[in-house]
Amino acid sequence: MSRTGSVVRLAAVLIGAAIPAVPAIWPEQIWEHKRTGQASIQVDDIAVWREFGLEEAERATYEGPGGSMKVAGYRLKDPTSAMAIHQWLTPAGGSPSKLWKTGVDLPGRSFLLVGNYVLDFQGRIPPYDDFQKLYVQLPRLDGSSLPALPTYLPRDNLIASSQRYAIGPAALEKFFPGVSPSLAGFSLGAEVQIARFNSPKGEIPLAMFNYPTPQMAREKAAEFQKLSGAVVKRSGPLVAVVLGGPSADEAERLLSKISYQATVTWNESTKSKEESMAEFLLNVFMFIGILLAGTVVGGLLFFGGKRAFRKAMGRSGEDEGPVRLQIDK
């Protein structure tokens, strides 16, 4: 290598060393708090994290007015994966967050699901307005909607912090090992919401599988029923499975509370055909009225303008006699 090439390479290394590393998630300063420490988060269950598409995991410490603050952040590939991680890591004993619509608050801690991020604040909890400023600065934020599957879980007797979400074999094996990945059918687009419920005879483990079509769900329900001890119910594209519950009766009581049809009619129109036709005709007549009014106004403006022009030219309408056509016979 030439001396010139060595010098250029050395200069590049020195310049790179002089430029501080850009934080993956947490900036140099948050509000009046300055960052005093920063480190990557080492996660366990690598296969599960990889399945959810972990992009960055970083913690930091800040010092400023009101004391110190410790933060941790995880950026996932999309909001669905972030929701799965949030369900998995949510600490028990929390109450709905006052800071964000999806999250929990504990004494001195706020654990939030924000788009494709999971954020953990400890120590100083930021006020709402300050958090909004941070929210818009998060790198590569994905604010798309969350899946609807968790909303079909019954709320009665649901064990807090027991929800788990699976989009692939690794998470299913960890959270609901009684069902094989081939039976779940992730290659068909299946997603799974898992939870546990209290009953007089013990805890009931439930998994709800969501498929792209009711036909797929019907076929899968028949396969699930072949599992030893499984109690199965299909509702639309959902297949709910209780496996290893305390009794079949308790399982049936829980499954009876799951209904896909309960929510699919929220956006349906309530107008009858007669009301729709009346509204259509009213719109037609209104359109015709607007056209007629526009025609009248246009005519008045035209003739008014013409008269004003003649007056400005010193001519009057009376100067012009009627037009006669002389036609020789």
C-alpha atoms as a PDB file:
ATOM      1  CA  MET A   1       0.000   0.000   0.000  1.00  0.00           C
ATOM      2  CA  SER A   2       1.320   3.492  -0.872  1.00  0.00           C
ATOM      3  CA  ARG A   3       2.139   6.056   1.773  1.00  0.00           C
ATOM      4  CA  THR A   4      -0.696   8.263   0.468  1.00  0.00           C
ATOM      5  CA  GLY A   5      -3.204   5.418   0.824  1.00  0.00           C
ATOM      6  CA  SER A   6      -2.044   4.715   4.372  1.00  0.00           C
ATOM      7  CA  VAL A   7      -2.408   8.371   5.326  1.00  0.00           C
ATOM      8  CA  VAL A   8      -5.923   8.522   3.880  1.00  0.00           C
ATOM      9  CA  ARG A   9      -6.946   5.357   5.696  1.00  0.00           C
ATOM     10  CA  LEU A  10      -5.488   6.583   8.992  1.00  0.00           C
ATOM     11  CA  ALA A  11      -7.276   9.905   8.598  1.00  0.00           C
ATOM     12  CA  ALA A  12     -10.589   8.140   8.001  1.00  0.00           C
ATOM     13  CA  VAL A  13     -10.134   6.062  11.152  1.00  0.00           C
ATOM     14  CA  LEU A  14      -9.261   9.130  13.211  1.00  0.00           C
ATOM     15  CA  ILE A  15     -12.256  11.084  11.870  1.00  0.00           C
ATOM     16  CA  GLY A  16     -14.571   8.139  12.588  1.00  0.00           C
ATOM     17  CA  ALA A  17     -13.227   7.877  16.103  1.00  0.00           C
ATOM     18  CA  ALA A  18     -13.737  11.593  16.661  1.00  0.00           C
ATOM     19  CA  ILE A  19     -17.436  11.462  15.714  1.00  0.00           C
ATOM     20  CA  PRO A  20     -19.597  10.260  18.642  1.00  0.00           C
ATOM     21  CA  ALA A  21     -21.856   7.290  17.992  1.00  0.00           C
ATOM     22  CA  VAL A  22     -25.415   8.248  17.152  1.00  0.00           C
ATOM     23  CA  PRO A  23     -27.830   6.726  19.702  1.00  0.00           C
ATOM     24  CA  ALA A  24     -30.093   4.036  18.321  1.00  0.00           C
ATOM     25  CA  ILE A  25     -33.139   5.280  20.238  1.00  0.00           C
ATOM     26  CA  TRP A  26     -32.342   7.741  23.020  1.00  0.00           C
ATOM     27  CA  PRO A  27     -30.994  11.217  22.100  1.00  0.00           C
ATOM     28  CA  GLU A  28     -28.284  13.226  23.834  1.00  0.00           C
ATOM     29  CA  GLN A  29     -30.913  15.252  25.699  1.00  0.00           C
ATOM     30  CA  ILE A  30     -34.562  14.761  26.646  1.00  0.00           C
ATOM     31  CA  TRP A  31     -36.274  17.982  27.716  1.00  0.00           C
ATOM     32  CA  GLU A  32     -33.945  19.471  30.376  1.00  0.00           C
ATOM     33  CA  HIS A  33     -32.371  16.078  31.084  1.00  0.00           C
ATOM     34  CA  LYS A  34     -28.956  15.255  29.627  1.00  0.00           C
ATOM     35  CA  ARG A  35     -27.836  11.726  28.925  1.00  0.00           C
ATOM     36  CA  THR A  36     -25.179  10.455  31.336  1.00  0.00           C
ATOM     37  CA  GLY A  37     -25.066   6.798  30.290  1.00  0.00           C
ATOM     38  CA  GLN A  38     -26.011   4.577  27.369  1.00  0.00           C
ATOM     39  CA  ALA A  39     -25.778   0.840  26.618  1.00  0.00           C
ATOM     40  CA  SER A  40     -27.288  -1.856  24.445  1.00  0.00           C
ATOM     41  CA  ILE A  41     -29.729  -4.291  26.048  1.00  0.00           C
ATOM     42  CA  GLN A  42     -28.777  -7.954  25.874  1.00  0.00           C
ATOM     43  CA  VAL A  43     -31.940 -10.028  25.416  1.00  0.00           C
ATOM     44  CA  ASP A  44     -32.647 -13.684  26.157  1.00  0.00           C
ATOM     45  CA  ASP A  45     -34.736 -16.034  23.993  1.00  0.00           C
ATOM     46  CA  ILE A  46     -33.016 -14.790  20.851  1.00  0.00           C
ATOM     47  CA  ALA A  47     -35.217 -16.901  18.564  1.00  0.00           C
ATOM     48  CA  VAL A  48     -38.373 -15.234  19.869  1.00  0.00           C
ATOM     49  CA  TRP A  49     -36.915 -11.731  19.558  1.00  0.00           C
ATOM     50  CA  ARG A  50     -35.686 -12.486  16.045  1.00  0.00           C
ATOM     51  CA  GLU A  51     -39.147 -13.737  15.097  1.00  0.00           C
ATOM     52  CA  PHE A  52     -40.655 -10.457  16.276  1.00  0.00           C
ATOM     53  CA  GLY A  53     -38.085  -8.498  14.289  1.00  0.00           C
ATOM     54  CA  LEU A  54     -36.108  -6.703  16.991  1.00  0.00           C
ATOM     55  CA  GLU A  55     -34.191  -3.816  15.407  1.00  0.00           C
ATOM     56  CA  GLU A  56     -32.753  -1.964  18.418  1.00  0.00           C
ATOM     57  CA  ALA A  57     -32.693  -2.430  22.187  1.00  0.00           C
ATOM     58  CA  GLU A  58     -31.088   0.349  24.202  1.00  0.00           C
ATOM     59  CA  ARG A  59     -31.093   1.749  27.736  1.00  0.00           C
ATOM     60  CA  ALA A  60     -29.907   5.130  28.946  1.00  0.00           C
ATOM     61  CA  THR A  61     -29.730   7.289  32.068  1.00  0.00           C
ATOM     62  CA  TYR A  62     -30.487  11.017  32.277  1.00  0.00           C
ATOM     63  CA  GLU A  63     -29.911  13.703  34.877  1.00  0.00           C
ATOM     64  CA  GLY A  64     -31.805  16.962  35.138  1.00  0.00           C
ATOM     65  CA  PRO A  65     -34.321  19.028  37.101  1.00  0.00           C
ATOM     66  CA  GLY A  66     -36.447  16.826  39.299  1.00  0.00           C
ATOM     67  CA  GLY A  67     -33.878  14.029  39.572  1.00  0.00           C
ATOM     68  CA  SER A  68     -32.549  11.161  37.509  1.00  0.00           C
ATOM     69  CA  MET A  69     -34.402   9.065  34.966  1.00  0.00           C
ATOM     70  CA  LYS A  70     -33.685   5.589  33.634  1.00  0.00           C
ATOM     71  CA  VAL A  71     -35.138   4.599  30.293  1.00  0.00           C
ATOM     72  CA  ALA A  72     -35.164   1.501  28.131  1.00  0.00           C
ATOM     73  CA  GLY A  73     -36.452   1.185  24.595  1.00  0.00           C
ATOM     74  CA  TYR A  74     -37.081  -1.593  22.086  1.00  0.00           C
ATOM     75  CA  ARG A  75     -37.793  -0.909  18.416  1.00  0.00           C
ATOM     76  CA  LEU A  76     -39.532  -3.724  16.543  1.00  0.00           C
ATOM     77  CA  LYS A  77     -40.280  -4.221  12.866  1.00  0.00           C
ATOM     78  CA  ASP A  78     -43.963  -3.232  13.221  1.00  0.00           C
ATOM     79  CA  PRO A  79     -46.619  -2.398  15.860  1.00  0.00           C
ATOM     80  CA  THR A  80     -47.912  -5.999  15.976  1.00  0.00           C
ATOM     81  CA  SER A  81     -44.499  -7.274  17.056  1.00  0.00           C
ATOM     82  CA  ALA A  82     -44.139  -4.397  19.514  1.00  0.00           C
ATOM     83  CA  MET A  83     -47.533  -5.296  21.016  1.00  0.00           C
ATOM     84  CA  ALA A  84     -46.350  -8.889  21.435  1.00  0.00           C
ATOM     85  CA  ILE A  85     -43.195  -7.748  23.249  1.00  0.00           C
ATOM     86  CA  HIS A  86     -45.210  -5.324  25.382  1.00  0.00           C
ATOM     87  CA  GLN A  87     -47.573  -8.117  26.448  1.00  0.00           C
ATOM     88  CA  TRP A  88     -44.622 -10.359  27.238  1.00  0.00           C
ATOM     89  CA  LEU A  89     -42.629  -7.829  29.288  1.00  0.00           C
ATOM     90  CA  THR A  90     -45.444  -5.916  31.000  1.00  0.00           C
ATOM     91  CA  PRO A  91     -44.881  -6.070  34.776  1.00  0.00           C
ATOM     92  CA  ALA A  92     -47.711  -7.349  36.948  1.00  0.00           C
ATOM     93  CA  GLY A  93     -49.706  -5.033  39.185  1.00  0.00           C
ATOM     94  CA  GLY A  94     -49.905  -2.064  36.826  1.00  0.00           C
ATOM     95  CA  SER A  95     -52.858   0.212  36.115  1.00  0.00           C
ATOM     96  CA  PRO A  96     -53.818   1.775  32.759  1.00  0.00           C
ATOM     97  CA  SER A  97     -51.305   4.447  31.833  1.00  0.00           C
ATOM     98  CA  LYS A  98     -52.181   8.131  32.159  1.00  0.00           C
ATOM     99  CA  LEU A  99     -49.330   8.998  29.813  1.00  0.00           C
ATOM    100  CA  TRP A 100     -50.271   6.925  26.771  1.00  0.00           C
ATOM    101  CA  LYS A 101     -53.333   5.026  25.556  1.00  0.00           C
ATOM    102  CA  THR A 102     -51.507   1.674  25.476  1.00  0.00           C
ATOM    103  CA  GLY A 103     -49.396   1.047  28.541  1.00  0.00           C
ATOM    104  CA  VAL A 104     -49.371   0.564  32.292  1.00  0.00           C
ATOM    105  CA  ASP A 105     -48.255   2.725  35.201  1.00  0.00           C
ATOM    106  CA  LEU A 106     -46.631   1.502  38.387  1.00  0.00           C
ATOM    107  CA  PRO A 107     -45.126   3.512  41.258  1.00  0.00           C
ATOM    108  CA  GLY A 108     -42.236   5.407  39.712  1.00  0.00           C
ATOM    109  CA  ARG A 109     -42.526   3.555  36.407  1.00  0.00           C
ATOM    110  CA  SER A 110     -44.387   3.795  33.114  1.00  0.00           C
ATOM    111  CA  PHE A 111     -44.269   0.914  30.603  1.00  0.00           C
ATOM    112  CA  LEU A 112     -45.644   1.936  27.201  1.00  0.00           C
ATOM    113  CA  LEU A 113     -46.461   0.554  23.767  1.00  0.00           C
ATOM    114  CA  VAL A 114     -45.929   3.359  21.229  1.00  0.00           C
ATOM    115  CA  GLY A 115     -46.266   2.315  17.590  1.00  0.00           C
ATOM    116  CA  ASN A 116     -43.434  -0.133  16.899  1.00  0.00           C
ATOM    117  CA  TYR A 117     -41.684   0.843  20.164  1.00  0.00           C
ATOM    118  CA  VAL A 118     -41.819  -0.463  23.714  1.00  0.00           C
ATOM    119  CA  LEU A 119     -40.628   2.250  26.125  1.00  0.00           C
ATOM    120  CA  ASP A 120     -39.864   1.874  29.824  1.00  0.00           C
ATOM    121  CA  PHE A 121     -39.504   4.997  32.018  1.00  0.00           C
ATOM    122  CA  GLN A 122     -38.287   4.678  35.603  1.00  0.00           C
ATOM    123  CA  GLY A 123     -37.617   7.432  38.108  1.00  0.00           C
ATOM    124  CA  ARG A 124     -38.914  10.721  36.733  1.00  0.00           C
ATOM    125  CA  ILE A 125     -42.031  10.072  34.669  1.00  0.00           C
ATOM    126  CA  PRO A 126     -42.417  12.778  32.013  1.00  0.00           C
ATOM    127  CA  PRO A 127     -45.617  14.836  31.870  1.00  0.00           C
ATOM    128  CA  TYR A 128     -47.896  14.305  28.904  1.00  0.00           C
ATOM    129  CA  ASP A 129     -46.800  17.384  26.934  1.00  0.00           C
ATOM    130  CA  ASP A 130     -43.121  16.480  27.285  1.00  0.00           C
ATOM    131  CA  PHE A 131     -43.793  12.924  26.189  1.00  0.00           C
ATOM    132  CA  GLN A 132     -45.528  14.177  23.048  1.00  0.00           C
ATOM    133  CA  LYS A 133     -42.338  16.022  22.077  1.00  0.00           C
ATOM    134  CA  LEU A 134     -40.317  12.822  22.460  1.00  0.00           C
ATOM    135  CA  TYR A 135     -42.910  10.771  20.589  1.00  0.00           C
ATOM    136  CA  VAL A 136     -42.499  12.696  17.343  1.00  0.00           C
ATOM    137  CA  GLN A 137     -38.703  12.365  17.533  1.00  0.00           C
ATOM    138  CA  LEU A 138     -38.523   8.572  17.765  1.00  0.00           C
ATOM    139  CA  PRO A 139     -36.464   7.245  14.822  1.00  0.00           C
ATOM    140  CA  ARG A 140     -38.357   5.195  12.218  1.00  0.00           C
ATOM    141  CA  LEU A 141     -41.622   5.306  14.139  1.00  0.00           C
ATOM    142  CA  ASP A 142     -44.424   3.185  12.661  1.00  0.00           C
ATOM    143  CA  GLY A 143     -47.831   4.392  13.792  1.00  0.00           C
ATOM    144  CA  SER A 144     -49.996   1.899  11.901  1.00  0.00           C
ATOM    145  CA  SER A 145     -52.914   0.221  13.651  1.00  0.00           C
ATOM    146  CA  LEU A 146     -52.700  -2.732  16.026  1.00  0.00           C
ATOM    147  CA  PRO A 147     -54.334  -6.102  15.287  1.00  0.00           C
ATOM    148  CA  ALA A 148     -57.921  -6.561  16.449  1.00  0.00           C
ATOM    149  CA  LEU A 149     -57.437 -10.129  17.713  1.00  0.00           C
ATOM    150  CA  PRO A 150     -56.742  -9.184  21.379  1.00  0.00           C
ATOM    151  CA  THR A 151     -60.085  -7.370  21.566  1.00  0.00           C
ATOM    152  CA  TYR A 152     -61.934 -10.712  21.271  1.00  0.00           C
ATOM    153  CA  LEU A 153     -60.515 -11.984  24.559  1.00  0.00           C
ATOM    154  CA  PRO A 154     -63.158 -12.223  27.305  1.00  0.00           C
ATOM    155  CA  ARG A 155     -62.461  -9.766  30.117  1.00  0.00           C
ATOM    156  CA  ASP A 156     -64.142 -11.693  32.927  1.00  0.00           C
ATOM    157  CA  ASN A 157     -61.622 -13.577  35.075  1.00  0.00           C
ATOM    158  CA  LEU A 158     -58.727 -12.683  32.779  1.00  0.00           C
ATOM    159  CA  ILE A 159     -55.461 -13.023  34.707  1.00  0.00           C
ATOM    160  CA  ALA A 160     -53.581  -9.733  34.540  1.00  0.00           C
ATOM    161  CA  SER A 161     -50.341  -9.748  32.537  1.00  0.00           C
ATOM    162  CA  SER A 162     -51.042 -13.266  31.222  1.00  0.00           C
ATOM    163  CA  GLN A 163     -51.574 -12.231  27.604  1.00  0.00           C
ATOM    164  CA  ARG A 164     -49.032 -13.402  25.042  1.00  0.00           C
ATOM    165  CA  TYR A 165     -49.024 -12.969  21.266  1.00  0.00           C
ATOM    166  CA  ALA A 166     -47.449 -15.297  18.708  1.00  0.00           C
ATOM    167  CA  ILE A 167     -46.781 -14.806  15.006  1.00  0.00           C
ATOM    168  CA  GLY A 168     -44.430 -17.746  14.507  1.00  0.00           C
ATOM    169  CA  PRO A 169     -43.168 -21.098  15.811  1.00  0.00           C
ATOM    170  CA  ALA A 170     -40.653 -19.771  18.365  1.00  0.00           C
ATOM    171  CA  ALA A 171     -43.200 -17.696  20.304  1.00  0.00           C
ATOM    172  CA  LEU A 172     -45.845 -20.435  20.084  1.00  0.00           C
ATOM    173  CA  GLU A 173     -43.434 -23.018  21.491  1.00  0.00           C
ATOM    174  CA  LYS A 174     -42.556 -20.700  24.373  1.00  0.00           C
ATOM    175  CA  PHE A 175     -46.057 -19.494  25.269  1.00  0.00           C
ATOM    176  CA  PHE A 176     -48.386 -22.363  24.211  1.00  0.00           C
ATOM    177  CA  PRO A 177     -46.280 -25.489  23.635  1.00  0.00           C
ATOM    178  CA  GLY A 178     -49.221 -27.900  23.387  1.00  0.00           C
ATOM    179  CA  VAL A 179     -49.844 -26.901  19.760  1.00  0.00           C
ATOM    180  CA  SER A 180     -47.302 -27.614  17.045  1.00  0.00           C
ATOM    181  CA  PRO A 181     -46.372 -24.892  14.497  1.00  0.00           C
ATOM    182  CA  SER A 182     -47.624 -27.073  11.635  1.00  0.00           C
ATOM    183  CA  LEU A 183     -51.027 -27.381  13.275  1.00  0.00           C
ATOM    184  CA  ALA A 184     -51.171 -23.640  13.992  1.00  0.00           C
ATOM    185  CA  GLY A 185     -50.558 -22.910  10.306  1.00  0.00           C
ATOM    186  CA  PHE A 186     -48.358 -19.812  10.398  1.00  0.00           C
ATOM    187  CA  SER A 187     -47.629 -20.344   6.709  1.00  0.00           C
ATOM    188  CA  LEU A 188     -51.327 -19.617   6.124  1.00  0.00           C
ATOM    189  CA  GLY A 189     -51.040 -16.249   7.874  1.00  0.00           C
ATOM    190  CA  ALA A 190     -52.187 -17.326  11.330  1.00  0.00           C
ATOM    191  CA  GLU A 191     -51.650 -15.156  14.409  1.00  0.00           C
ATOM    192  CA  VAL A 192     -52.331 -16.283  17.978  1.00  0.00           C
ATOM    193  CA  GLN A 193     -53.523 -14.485  21.097  1.00  0.00           C
ATOM    194  CA  ILE A 194     -52.843 -16.460  24.274  1.00  0.00           C
ATOM    195  CA  ALA A 195     -54.100 -15.792  27.805  1.00  0.00           C
ATOM    196  CA  ARG A 196     -54.972 -17.484  31.084  1.00  0.00           C
ATOM    197  CA  PHE A 197     -58.227 -17.212  33.045  1.00  0.00           C
ATOM    198  CA  ASN A 198     -59.309 -17.961  36.584  1.00  0.00           C
ATOM    199  CA  SER A 199     -62.099 -20.428  37.282  1.00  0.00           C
ATOM    200  CA  PRO A 200     -63.471 -22.110  40.432  1.00  0.00           C
ATOM    201  CA  LYS A 201     -61.495 -25.241  39.523  1.00  0.00           C
ATOM    202  CA  GLY A 202     -58.218 -23.643  38.487  1.00  0.00           C
ATOM    203  CA  GLU A 203     -56.548 -21.695  35.693  1.00  0.00           C
ATOM    204  CA  ILE A 204     -57.711 -22.111  32.100  1.00  0.00           C
ATOM    205  CA  PRO A 205     -55.122 -21.658  29.304  1.00  0.00           C
ATOM    206  CA  LEU A 206     -56.689 -20.269  26.112  1.00  0.00           C
ATOM    207  CA  ALA A 207     -55.286 -19.678  22.637  1.00  0.00           C
ATOM    208  CA  MET A 208     -57.232 -17.863  19.907  1.00  0.00           C
ATOM    209  CA  PHE A 209     -55.999 -18.486  16.361  1.00  0.00           C
ATOM    210  CA  ASN A 210     -56.929 -15.968  13.687  1.00  0.00           C
ATOM    211  CA  TYR A 211     -56.967 -17.067  10.026  1.00  0.00           C
ATOM    212  CA  PRO A 212     -57.433 -15.052   6.828  1.00  0.00           C
ATOM    213  CA  THR A 213     -60.802 -16.673   6.008  1.00  0.00           C
ATOM    214  CA  PRO A 214     -63.582 -18.546   7.853  1.00  0.00           C
ATOM    215  CA  GLN A 215     -63.045 -21.511   5.505  1.00  0.00           C
ATOM    216  CA  MET A 216     -59.446 -21.883   6.693  1.00  0.00           C
ATOM    217  CA  ALA A 217     -60.623 -21.593  10.291  1.00  0.00           C
ATOM    218  CA  ARG A 218     -63.241 -24.303   9.755  1.00  0.00           C
ATOM    219  CA  GLU A 219     -60.632 -26.714   8.407  1.00  0.00           C
ATOM    220  CA  LYS A 220     -58.206 -25.924  11.232  1.00  0.00           C
ATOM    221  CA  ALA A 221     -60.902 -26.332  13.894  1.00  0.00           C
ATOM    222  CA  ALA A 222     -61.422 -29.914  12.751  1.00  0.00           C
ATOM    223  CA  GLU A 223     -57.679 -30.545  13.145  1.00  0.00           C
ATOM    224  CA  PHE A 224     -57.544 -28.944  16.617  1.00  0.00           C
ATOM    225  CA  GLN A 225     -60.376 -31.179  17.812  1.00  0.00           C
ATOM    226  CA  LYS A 226     -58.093 -34.191  17.294  1.00  0.00           C
ATOM    227  CA  LEU A 227     -55.792 -32.973  20.085  1.00  0.00           C
ATOM    228  CA  SER A 228     -56.167 -34.983  23.281  1.00  0.00           C
ATOM    229  CA  GLY A 229     -58.083 -33.021  25.902  1.00  0.00           C
ATOM    230  CA  ALA A 230     -58.725 -30.012  23.646  1.00  0.00           C
ATOM    231  CA  VAL A 231     -61.984 -28.080  23.745  1.00  0.00           C
ATOM    232  CA  VAL A 232     -62.441 -26.079  20.538  1.00  0.00           C
ATOM    233  CA  LYS A 233     -64.782 -23.399  19.249  1.00  0.00           C
ATOM    234  CA  ARG A 234     -64.805 -21.668  15.873  1.00  0.00           C
ATOM    235  CA  SER A 235     -66.333 -18.234  15.336  1.00  0.00           C
ATOM    236  CA  GLY A 236     -65.828 -16.704  11.904  1.00  0.00           C
ATOM    237  CA  PRO A 237     -62.078 -16.731  11.152  1.00  0.00           C
ATOM    238  CA  LEU A 238     -61.260 -17.386  14.827  1.00  0.00           C
ATOM    239  CA  VAL A 239     -60.509 -20.774  16.369  1.00  0.00           C
ATOM    240  CA  ALA A 240     -60.382 -20.741  20.187  1.00  0.00           C
ATOM    241  CA  VAL A 241     -58.658 -23.668  21.876  1.00  0.00           C
ATOM    242  CA  VAL A 242     -58.524 -24.600  25.558  1.00  0.00           C
ATOM    243  CA  LEU A 243     -55.844 -27.183  26.180  1.00  0.00           C
ATOM    244  CA  GLY A 244     -55.090 -28.641  29.601  1.00  0.00           C
ATOM    245  CA  GLY A 245     -57.857 -26.828  31.477  1.00  0.00           C
ATOM    246  CA  PRO A 246     -59.248 -28.065  34.816  1.00  0.00           C
ATOM    247  CA  SER A 247     -62.458 -29.405  33.232  1.00  0.00           C
ATOM    248  CA  ALA A 248     -64.341 -29.477  29.949  1.00  0.00           C
ATOM    249  CA  ASP A 249     -67.286 -27.671  31.531  1.00  0.00           C
ATOM    250  CA  GLU A 250     -65.128 -24.716  32.623  1.00  0.00           C
ATOM    251  CA  ALA A 251     -63.579 -24.623  29.158  1.00  0.00           C
ATOM    252  CA  GLU A 252     -67.017 -24.523  27.523  1.00  0.00           C
ATOM    253  CA  ARG A 253     -68.131 -21.672  29.792  1.00  0.00           C
ATOM    254  CA  LEU A 254     -65.091 -19.641  28.781  1.00  0.00           C
ATOM    255  CA  LEU A 255     -65.425 -20.393  25.054  1.00  0.00           C
ATOM    256  CA  SER A 256     -69.089 -19.369  25.094  1.00  0.00           C
ATOM    257  CA  LYS A 257     -67.941 -15.783  25.740  1.00  0.00           C
ATOM    258  CA  ILE A 258     -65.965 -15.593  22.476  1.00  0.00           C
ATOM    259  CA  SER A 259     -67.877 -14.334  19.454  1.00  0.00           C
ATOM    260  CA  TYR A 260     -66.418 -12.842  16.318  1.00  0.00           C
ATOM    261  CA  GLN A 261     -69.833 -11.647  15.102  1.00  0.00           C
ATOM    262  CA  ALA A 262     -70.160  -9.366  18.119  1.00  0.00           C
ATOM    263  CA  THR A 263     -67.828  -6.811  16.521  1.00  0.00           C
ATOM    264  CA  VAL A 264     -68.019  -7.222  12.764  1.00  0.00           C
ATOM    265  CA  THR A 265     -71.259  -5.195  12.504  1.00  0.00           C
ATOM    266  CA  TRP A 266     -69.890  -2.001  14.099  1.00  0.00           C
ATOM    267  CA  ASN A 267     -69.410  -0.225  10.754  1.00  0.00           C
ATOM    268  CA  GLU A 268     -72.452  -1.562   8.912  1.00  0.00           C
ATOM    269  CA  SER A 269     -74.971   0.949   7.564  1.00  0.00           C
ATOM    270  CA  THR A 270     -78.301   1.062   9.413  1.00  0.00           C
ATOM    271  CA  LYS A 271     -80.206   2.764   6.557  1.00  0.00           C
ATOM    272  CA  SER A 272     -82.996   0.935   4.732  1.00  0.00           C
ATOM    273  CA  LYS A 273     -83.243   0.808   0.928  1.00  0.00           C
ATOM    274  CA  GLU A 274     -86.103   3.348   1.041  1.00  0.00           C
ATOM    275  CA  GLU A 275     -84.001   5.788   3.099  1.00  0.00           C
ATOM    276  CA  SER A 276     -81.039   5.375   0.755  1.00  0.00           C
ATOM    277  CA  MET A 277     -83.233   6.024  -2.331  1.00  0.00           C
ATOM    278  CA  ALA A 278     -84.808   9.101  -0.723  1.00  0.00           C
ATOM    279  CA  GLU A 279     -81.353  10.444   0.099  1.00  0.00           C
ATOM    280  CA  PHE A 280     -80.223   9.817  -3.493  1.00  0.00           C
ATOM    281  CA  LEU A 281     -83.220  11.659  -4.985  1.00  0.00           C
ATOM    282  CA  LEU A 282     -82.731  14.567  -2.578  1.00  0.00           C
ATOM    283  CA  ASN A 283     -79.121  14.867  -3.701  1.00  0.00           C
ATOM    284  CA  VAL A 284     -80.205  14.825  -7.362  1.00  0.00           C
ATOM    285  CA  PHE A 285     -82.735  17.644  -6.833  1.00  0.00           C
ATOM    286  CA  MET A 286     -80.197  19.650  -4.855  1.00  0.00           C
ATOM    287  CA  PHE A 287     -77.715  19.298  -7.726  1.00  0.00           C
ATOM    288  CA  ILE A 288     -80.330  20.429 -10.269  1.00  0.00           C
ATOM    289  CA  GLY A 289     -81.195  23.413  -8.058  1.00  0.00           C
ATOM    290  CA  ILE A 290     -77.528  24.403  -7.857  1.00  0.00           C
ATOM    291  CA  LEU A 291     -77.242  24.233 -11.676  1.00  0.00           C
ATOM    292  CA  LEU A 292     -80.347  26.388 -12.167  1.00  0.00           C
ATOM    293  CA  ALA A 293     -79.171  28.936  -9.613  1.00  0.00           C
ATOM    294  CA  GLY A 294     -75.763  29.061 -11.299  1.00  0.00           C
ATOM    295  CA  THR A 295     -77.406  29.616 -14.691  1.00  0.00           C
ATOM    296  CA  VAL A 296     -79.550  32.506 -13.404  1.00  0.00           C
ATOM    297  CA  VAL A 297     -76.639  34.170 -11.625  1.00  0.00           C
ATOM    298  CA  GLY A 298     -74.431  33.758 -14.700  1.00  0.00           C
ATOM    299  CA  GLY A 299     -77.083  35.357 -16.924  1.00  0.00           C
ATOM    300  CA  LEU A 300     -77.545  38.308 -14.586  1.00  0.00           C
ATOM    301  CA  LEU A 301     -73.809  38.885 -14.419  1.00  0.00           C
ATOM    302  CA  PHE A 302     -73.499  38.716 -18.206  1.00  0.00           C
ATOM    303  CA  PHE A 303     -76.276  41.198 -18.959  1.00  0.00           C
ATOM    304  CA  GLY A 304     -75.268  43.429 -16.052  1.00  0.00           C
ATOM    305  CA  GLY A 305     -71.711  43.523 -17.365  1.00  0.00           C
ATOM    306  CA  LYS A 306     -72.870  44.227 -20.881  1.00  0.00           C
ATOM    307  CA  ARG A 307     -75.028  47.148 -19.731  1.00  0.00           C
ATOM    308  CA  ALA A 308     -72.209  48.595 -17.648  1.00  0.00           C
ATOM    309  CA  PHE A 309     -69.874  48.384 -20.657  1.00  0.00           C
ATOM    310  CA  ARG A 310     -72.354  50.258 -22.891  1.00  0.00           C
ATOM    311  CA  LYS A 311     -72.805  52.931 -20.269  1.00  0.00           C
ATOM    312  CA  ALA A 312     -69.057  53.365 -19.961  1.00  0.00           C
ATOM    313  CA  MET A 313     -68.846  53.787 -23.768  1.00  0.00           C
ATOM    314  CA  GLY A 314     -71.557  56.437 -23.780  1.00  0.00           C
ATOM    315  CA  ARG A 315     -74.096  54.241 -25.385  1.00  0.00           C
ATOM    316  CA  SER A 316     -77.467  53.188 -24.123  1.00  0.00           C
ATOM    317  CA  GLY A 317     -79.595  50.267 -24.873  1.00  0.00           C
ATOM    318  CA  GLU A 318     -82.172  52.567 -26.446  1.00  0.00           C
ATOM    319  CA  ASP A 319     -79.702  53.607 -29.227  1.00  0.00           C
ATOM    320  CA  GLU A 320     -79.899  50.212 -30.699  1.00  0.00           C
ATOM    321  CA  GLY A 321     -83.108  49.505 -32.497  1.00  0.00           C
ATOM    322  CA  PRO A 322     -84.515  46.115 -33.113  1.00  0.00           C
ATOM    323  CA  VAL A 323     -82.642  43.991 -35.569  1.00  0.00           C
ATOM    324  CA  ARG A 324     -84.544  43.481 -38.814  1.00  0.00           C
ATOM    325  CA  LEU A 325     -83.739  40.868 -41.347  1.00  0.00           C
ATOM    326  CA  GLN A 326     -84.483  41.952 -44.927  1.00  0.00           C
ATOM    327  CA  ILE A 327     -85.189  38.841 -46.864  1.00  0.00           C
ATOM    328  CA  ASP A 328     -86.012  39.242 -50.549  1.00  0.00           C
ATOM    329  CA  LYS A 329     -88.822  37.173 -51.687  1.00  0.00           C
END
